[in-house]
Amino acid sequence: MKPYDVGLICGRFQTFHKGHEKLINTSLMLCDRVLILIGSAQEYGTERNPLNINTRTNMLKTVYGDNPNIMIYGLSDMTNENDICPEWGKYLLDNVDRYIYKNPEVMIYGNDESRSNWFDKKI
């Protein structure tokens, strides 16, 4: 048994790289199940988001196959790509609840301090 039931990773995966692979592999070591939400799912063909959601999902499945412990879903932006606020954190957790019906025990992410602004510090 692993320390956590469900871990969460949220990223755009434009394109999939070794850092993403390390996050997912770490999650698989720590968690029985890993929920991966691919952000900016509604956008593609731009400089910042060149790849569509199907391409990004397929990149992950090429590496991890149909691993039953990995759940991959697209997540559209709440308003725009820069919604770095507690409302975004609530939006994120509301979407997580659609797939696993509870909050994840742990969120795994890289060196990105903006994620600390996703959740209300008073809670």
N, C-alpha and C. Protein backbone atom coordinates (compact mmCIF):
# COMPACT_ATOMS: atom_id res chain seq x y z
N MET A 1 0.85 -1.18 0.00
CA MET A 1 0.00 0.00 0.00
C MET A 1 0.89 1.25 0.00
N LYS A 2 0.48 2.24 -0.75
CA LYS A 2 1.26 3.47 -0.88
C LYS A 2 0.76 4.51 0.11
N PRO A 3 1.54 5.56 0.36
CA PRO A 3 1.14 6.56 1.35
C PRO A 3 -0.16 7.29 1.04
N TYR A 4 -0.49 7.43 -0.25
CA TYR A 4 -1.68 8.20 -0.64
C TYR A 4 -2.55 7.39 -1.58
N ASP A 5 -3.85 7.61 -1.48
CA ASP A 5 -4.79 6.97 -2.40
C ASP A 5 -4.72 7.66 -3.77
N VAL A 6 -5.00 8.98 -3.80
CA VAL A 6 -5.05 9.69 -5.08
C VAL A 6 -4.15 10.92 -5.05
N GLY A 7 -3.34 11.04 -6.08
CA GLY A 7 -2.52 12.22 -6.28
C GLY A 7 -3.02 12.97 -7.50
N LEU A 8 -2.80 14.26 -7.52
CA LEU A 8 -3.25 15.13 -8.61
C LEU A 8 -2.06 15.80 -9.27
N ILE A 9 -2.08 15.79 -10.59
CA ILE A 9 -1.14 16.57 -11.39
C ILE A 9 -1.97 17.39 -12.36
N CYS A 10 -1.70 18.67 -12.42
CA CYS A 10 -2.38 19.55 -13.37
C CYS A 10 -1.30 20.26 -14.19
N GLY A 11 -1.36 20.11 -15.49
CA GLY A 11 -0.37 20.76 -16.36
C GLY A 11 -0.90 20.85 -17.78
N ARG A 12 -0.23 21.65 -18.58
CA ARG A 12 -0.66 21.80 -19.98
C ARG A 12 -0.02 20.74 -20.89
N PHE A 13 1.15 20.26 -20.53
CA PHE A 13 1.85 19.23 -21.31
C PHE A 13 2.05 19.67 -22.77
N GLN A 14 2.59 20.85 -22.92
CA GLN A 14 2.89 21.44 -24.24
C GLN A 14 4.39 21.53 -24.42
N THR A 15 5.04 20.63 -24.74
CA THR A 15 4.87 19.23 -25.04
C THR A 15 5.31 18.40 -23.83
N PHE A 16 5.09 17.12 -23.89
CA PHE A 16 5.48 16.22 -22.80
C PHE A 16 7.00 16.15 -22.76
N HIS A 17 7.60 16.34 -21.55
CA HIS A 17 9.06 16.32 -21.43
C HIS A 17 9.47 15.54 -20.18
N LYS A 18 10.77 15.42 -19.97
CA LYS A 18 11.32 14.63 -18.86
C LYS A 18 10.83 15.11 -17.50
N GLY A 19 10.63 16.42 -17.34
CA GLY A 19 10.11 16.94 -16.07
C GLY A 19 8.71 16.42 -15.80
N HIS A 20 7.86 16.39 -16.83
CA HIS A 20 6.52 15.83 -16.67
C HIS A 20 6.61 14.35 -16.32
N GLU A 21 7.50 13.65 -17.00
CA GLU A 21 7.66 12.22 -16.74
C GLU A 21 8.08 11.97 -15.28
N LYS A 22 8.97 12.81 -14.77
CA LYS A 22 9.42 12.69 -13.38
C LYS A 22 8.25 12.92 -12.41
N LEU A 23 7.40 13.94 -12.69
CA LEU A 23 6.23 14.19 -11.84
C LEU A 23 5.31 12.98 -11.81
N ILE A 24 5.04 12.44 -12.98
CA ILE A 24 4.12 11.30 -13.05
C ILE A 24 4.72 10.08 -12.38
N ASN A 25 5.99 9.80 -12.63
CA ASN A 25 6.64 8.65 -12.01
C ASN A 25 6.69 8.79 -10.49
N THR A 26 6.96 10.00 -10.00
CA THR A 26 6.94 10.24 -8.55
C THR A 26 5.54 10.00 -8.00
N SER A 27 4.54 10.48 -8.71
CA SER A 27 3.15 10.28 -8.28
C SER A 27 2.81 8.80 -8.20
N LEU A 28 3.27 8.03 -9.18
CA LEU A 28 2.98 6.60 -9.19
C LEU A 28 3.68 5.87 -8.03
N MET A 29 4.81 6.39 -7.59
CA MET A 29 5.49 5.79 -6.43
C MET A 29 4.76 6.10 -5.13
N LEU A 30 4.14 7.29 -5.05
CA LEU A 30 3.50 7.75 -3.82
C LEU A 30 2.02 7.42 -3.71
N CYS A 31 1.36 7.22 -4.84
CA CYS A 31 -0.10 7.14 -4.86
C CYS A 31 -0.61 5.88 -5.53
N ASP A 32 -1.70 5.35 -5.01
CA ASP A 32 -2.34 4.21 -5.65
C ASP A 32 -2.91 4.60 -7.01
N ARG A 33 -3.46 5.82 -7.08
CA ARG A 33 -4.03 6.32 -8.34
C ARG A 33 -3.54 7.74 -8.57
N VAL A 34 -3.42 8.12 -9.85
CA VAL A 34 -2.97 9.46 -10.21
C VAL A 34 -3.98 10.05 -11.18
N LEU A 35 -4.49 11.22 -10.83
CA LEU A 35 -5.40 11.97 -11.70
C LEU A 35 -4.58 13.06 -12.38
N ILE A 36 -4.53 13.02 -13.70
CA ILE A 36 -3.81 14.04 -14.47
C ILE A 36 -4.85 14.87 -15.21
N LEU A 37 -4.88 16.16 -14.91
CA LEU A 37 -5.75 17.09 -15.62
C LEU A 37 -4.89 17.90 -16.57
N ILE A 38 -5.23 17.83 -17.84
CA ILE A 38 -4.49 18.56 -18.87
C ILE A 38 -5.18 19.91 -19.05
N GLY A 39 -4.49 20.97 -18.61
CA GLY A 39 -5.06 22.31 -18.63
C GLY A 39 -5.08 22.94 -20.01
N SER A 40 -5.81 24.04 -20.11
CA SER A 40 -6.01 24.77 -21.37
C SER A 40 -6.51 23.82 -22.45
N ALA A 41 -7.41 22.91 -22.06
CA ALA A 41 -7.89 21.87 -22.97
C ALA A 41 -8.67 22.43 -24.15
N GLN A 42 -9.23 23.61 -23.98
CA GLN A 42 -10.05 24.19 -25.03
C GLN A 42 -9.23 24.91 -26.09
N GLU A 43 -7.94 25.09 -25.83
CA GLU A 43 -7.13 25.95 -26.70
C GLU A 43 -6.05 25.17 -27.43
N TYR A 44 -5.86 25.48 -28.69
CA TYR A 44 -4.75 24.91 -29.45
C TYR A 44 -4.50 25.80 -30.67
N GLY A 45 -3.35 25.60 -31.26
CA GLY A 45 -3.00 26.38 -32.45
C GLY A 45 -2.43 27.75 -32.15
N THR A 46 -2.13 28.01 -30.86
CA THR A 46 -1.52 29.29 -30.50
C THR A 46 -0.05 29.04 -30.17
N GLU A 47 0.71 30.11 -30.04
CA GLU A 47 2.12 29.95 -29.71
C GLU A 47 2.31 29.26 -28.37
N ARG A 48 1.51 29.65 -27.37
CA ARG A 48 1.64 29.07 -26.03
C ARG A 48 1.02 27.68 -25.94
N ASN A 49 -0.01 27.43 -26.71
CA ASN A 49 -0.73 26.14 -26.68
C ASN A 49 -0.88 25.59 -28.10
N PRO A 50 0.21 25.12 -28.68
CA PRO A 50 0.13 24.66 -30.08
C PRO A 50 -0.61 23.34 -30.28
N LEU A 51 -0.60 22.46 -29.28
CA LEU A 51 -1.15 21.11 -29.44
C LEU A 51 -2.56 20.99 -28.88
N ASN A 52 -3.41 20.24 -29.59
CA ASN A 52 -4.78 20.06 -29.10
C ASN A 52 -4.81 19.01 -27.99
N ILE A 53 -5.94 18.91 -27.33
CA ILE A 53 -6.08 18.03 -26.17
C ILE A 53 -5.87 16.56 -26.55
N ASN A 54 -6.31 16.13 -27.71
CA ASN A 54 -6.14 14.74 -28.12
C ASN A 54 -4.67 14.40 -28.31
N THR A 55 -3.91 15.29 -28.91
CA THR A 55 -2.48 15.07 -29.10
C THR A 55 -1.77 14.97 -27.76
N ARG A 56 -2.11 15.87 -26.84
CA ARG A 56 -1.46 15.86 -25.53
C ARG A 56 -1.83 14.59 -24.73
N THR A 57 -3.08 14.19 -24.80
CA THR A 57 -3.51 12.96 -24.14
C THR A 57 -2.78 11.76 -24.72
N ASN A 58 -2.67 11.71 -26.04
CA ASN A 58 -2.00 10.59 -26.70
C ASN A 58 -0.52 10.54 -26.36
N MET A 59 0.13 11.69 -26.15
CA MET A 59 1.53 11.69 -25.74
C MET A 59 1.69 10.97 -24.40
N LEU A 60 0.81 11.28 -23.46
CA LEU A 60 0.86 10.63 -22.15
C LEU A 60 0.58 9.13 -22.27
N LYS A 61 -0.41 8.77 -23.09
CA LYS A 61 -0.76 7.36 -23.23
C LYS A 61 0.32 6.58 -23.98
N THR A 62 1.09 7.26 -24.82
CA THR A 62 2.20 6.59 -25.50
C THR A 62 3.24 6.14 -24.48
N VAL A 63 3.48 6.96 -23.47
CA VAL A 63 4.46 6.62 -22.44
C VAL A 63 3.88 5.66 -21.40
N TYR A 64 2.65 5.88 -20.97
CA TYR A 64 2.09 5.12 -19.84
C TYR A 64 1.05 4.08 -20.24
N GLY A 65 0.73 4.01 -21.52
CA GLY A 65 -0.25 3.03 -21.99
C GLY A 65 -1.60 3.24 -21.34
N ASP A 66 -2.30 2.17 -21.14
CA ASP A 66 -3.62 2.22 -20.50
C ASP A 66 -3.52 1.81 -19.04
N ASN A 67 -2.54 2.37 -18.35
CA ASN A 67 -2.33 2.07 -16.94
C ASN A 67 -3.62 2.38 -16.18
N PRO A 68 -4.22 1.39 -15.53
CA PRO A 68 -5.48 1.62 -14.84
C PRO A 68 -5.35 2.53 -13.62
N ASN A 69 -4.12 2.79 -13.18
CA ASN A 69 -3.91 3.67 -12.03
C ASN A 69 -3.74 5.13 -12.43
N ILE A 70 -3.78 5.42 -13.74
CA ILE A 70 -3.64 6.79 -14.22
C ILE A 70 -4.94 7.19 -14.92
N MET A 71 -5.52 8.29 -14.44
CA MET A 71 -6.73 8.85 -15.06
C MET A 71 -6.32 10.16 -15.73
N ILE A 72 -6.65 10.33 -17.00
CA ILE A 72 -6.26 11.53 -17.75
C ILE A 72 -7.52 12.18 -18.31
N TYR A 73 -7.69 13.47 -17.98
CA TYR A 73 -8.85 14.23 -18.47
C TYR A 73 -8.40 15.64 -18.83
N GLY A 74 -9.11 16.23 -19.78
CA GLY A 74 -8.86 17.62 -20.14
C GLY A 74 -9.56 18.56 -19.17
N LEU A 75 -8.97 19.73 -18.97
CA LEU A 75 -9.55 20.76 -18.12
C LEU A 75 -9.44 22.10 -18.83
N SER A 76 -10.58 22.66 -19.17
CA SER A 76 -10.58 23.98 -19.80
C SER A 76 -10.24 25.05 -18.78
N ASP A 77 -9.69 26.16 -19.26
CA ASP A 77 -9.40 27.28 -18.37
C ASP A 77 -10.70 27.84 -17.82
N MET A 78 -10.65 28.35 -16.60
CA MET A 78 -11.83 28.93 -15.96
C MET A 78 -12.24 30.20 -16.70
N THR A 79 -11.33 31.12 -16.87
CA THR A 79 -11.61 32.34 -17.63
C THR A 79 -10.50 32.57 -18.64
N ASN A 80 -9.26 32.53 -18.19
CA ASN A 80 -8.12 32.64 -19.08
C ASN A 80 -6.96 31.90 -18.43
N GLU A 81 -5.87 31.82 -19.14
CA GLU A 81 -4.75 31.02 -18.68
C GLU A 81 -4.09 31.58 -17.42
N ASN A 82 -4.41 32.79 -17.07
CA ASN A 82 -3.75 33.42 -15.93
C ASN A 82 -4.65 33.53 -14.70
N ASP A 83 -5.63 32.62 -14.56
CA ASP A 83 -6.52 32.68 -13.40
C ASP A 83 -5.83 32.10 -12.18
N ILE A 84 -4.78 32.74 -11.75
CA ILE A 84 -4.02 32.26 -10.60
C ILE A 84 -4.62 32.91 -9.35
N CYS A 85 -5.63 32.25 -8.79
CA CYS A 85 -6.36 32.82 -7.66
C CYS A 85 -7.08 31.68 -6.93
N PRO A 86 -7.58 31.94 -5.74
CA PRO A 86 -8.31 30.90 -5.01
C PRO A 86 -9.55 30.39 -5.77
N GLU A 87 -10.16 31.23 -6.59
CA GLU A 87 -11.31 30.77 -7.37
C GLU A 87 -10.88 29.66 -8.35
N TRP A 88 -9.67 29.81 -8.89
CA TRP A 88 -9.15 28.76 -9.78
C TRP A 88 -8.96 27.45 -8.99
N GLY A 89 -8.44 27.54 -7.78
CA GLY A 89 -8.27 26.35 -6.95
C GLY A 89 -9.59 25.65 -6.70
N LYS A 90 -10.63 26.42 -6.41
CA LYS A 90 -11.97 25.85 -6.20
C LYS A 90 -12.47 25.20 -7.49
N TYR A 91 -12.28 25.89 -8.61
CA TYR A 91 -12.67 25.34 -9.92
C TYR A 91 -11.93 24.02 -10.17
N LEU A 92 -10.65 24.00 -9.88
CA LEU A 92 -9.84 22.80 -10.07
C LEU A 92 -10.39 21.65 -9.21
N LEU A 93 -10.60 21.90 -7.92
CA LEU A 93 -11.08 20.85 -7.02
C LEU A 93 -12.50 20.41 -7.37
N ASP A 94 -13.34 21.33 -7.84
CA ASP A 94 -14.68 20.95 -8.29
C ASP A 94 -14.59 19.98 -9.46
N ASN A 95 -13.64 20.21 -10.36
CA ASN A 95 -13.46 19.31 -11.50
C ASN A 95 -12.86 17.98 -11.06
N VAL A 96 -11.95 18.01 -10.09
CA VAL A 96 -11.39 16.77 -9.55
C VAL A 96 -12.53 15.92 -8.98
N ASP A 97 -13.44 16.55 -8.27
CA ASP A 97 -14.55 15.84 -7.64
C ASP A 97 -15.42 15.12 -8.68
N ARG A 98 -15.47 15.62 -9.90
CA ARG A 98 -16.24 14.96 -10.98
C ARG A 98 -15.67 13.59 -11.30
N TYR A 99 -14.37 13.41 -11.09
CA TYR A 99 -13.71 12.17 -11.50
C TYR A 99 -13.42 11.21 -10.35
N ILE A 100 -13.12 11.74 -9.17
CA ILE A 100 -12.77 10.85 -8.05
C ILE A 100 -13.67 11.04 -6.84
N TYR A 101 -14.59 11.99 -6.88
CA TYR A 101 -15.59 12.19 -5.84
C TYR A 101 -15.02 12.51 -4.47
N LYS A 102 -13.83 13.07 -4.45
CA LYS A 102 -13.23 13.53 -3.21
C LYS A 102 -12.02 14.38 -3.56
N ASN A 103 -11.46 15.06 -2.58
CA ASN A 103 -10.22 15.81 -2.82
C ASN A 103 -9.05 14.84 -2.84
N PRO A 104 -8.06 15.12 -3.68
CA PRO A 104 -6.87 14.27 -3.66
C PRO A 104 -6.10 14.50 -2.36
N GLU A 105 -5.35 13.50 -1.94
CA GLU A 105 -4.55 13.65 -0.72
C GLU A 105 -3.30 14.48 -0.95
N VAL A 106 -2.81 14.49 -2.19
CA VAL A 106 -1.57 15.20 -2.49
C VAL A 106 -1.62 15.73 -3.92
N MET A 107 -1.02 16.90 -4.12
CA MET A 107 -0.85 17.45 -5.46
C MET A 107 0.64 17.49 -5.75
N ILE A 108 1.03 16.91 -6.87
CA ILE A 108 2.43 16.83 -7.23
C ILE A 108 2.67 17.84 -8.35
N TYR A 109 3.66 18.71 -8.13
CA TYR A 109 3.95 19.71 -9.15
C TYR A 109 5.42 20.09 -9.08
N GLY A 110 5.87 20.71 -10.14
CA GLY A 110 7.26 21.12 -10.24
C GLY A 110 7.52 22.44 -9.52
N ASN A 111 8.59 23.06 -9.85
CA ASN A 111 9.00 24.32 -9.23
C ASN A 111 8.18 25.47 -9.81
N ASP A 112 6.98 25.65 -9.31
CA ASP A 112 6.08 26.68 -9.82
C ASP A 112 5.37 27.32 -8.63
N GLU A 113 5.92 28.43 -8.18
CA GLU A 113 5.37 29.08 -6.98
C GLU A 113 3.97 29.62 -7.17
N SER A 114 3.52 29.83 -8.42
CA SER A 114 2.18 30.38 -8.64
C SER A 114 1.10 29.42 -8.12
N ARG A 115 1.40 28.12 -8.06
CA ARG A 115 0.41 27.17 -7.58
C ARG A 115 0.03 27.43 -6.13
N SER A 116 0.89 28.06 -5.35
CA SER A 116 0.56 28.37 -3.97
C SER A 116 -0.56 29.41 -3.89
N ASN A 117 -0.82 30.12 -4.98
CA ASN A 117 -1.90 31.10 -5.01
C ASN A 117 -3.22 30.51 -5.50
N TRP A 118 -3.22 29.22 -5.81
CA TRP A 118 -4.44 28.58 -6.30
C TRP A 118 -5.45 28.32 -5.19
N PHE A 119 -4.99 28.34 -3.95
CA PHE A 119 -5.87 27.95 -2.85
C PHE A 119 -5.87 29.02 -1.77
N ASP A 120 -7.00 29.21 -1.15
CA ASP A 120 -7.16 30.21 -0.10
C ASP A 120 -6.32 29.80 1.11
N LYS A 121 -5.44 30.67 1.52
CA LYS A 121 -4.54 30.36 2.65
C LYS A 121 -5.27 30.28 3.98
N LYS A 122 -6.51 30.79 4.06
CA LYS A 122 -7.28 30.77 5.31
C LYS A 122 -7.90 29.40 5.57
N ILE A 123 -7.95 28.56 4.56
CA ILE A 123 -8.61 27.26 4.71
C ILE A 123 -7.63 26.24 5.22
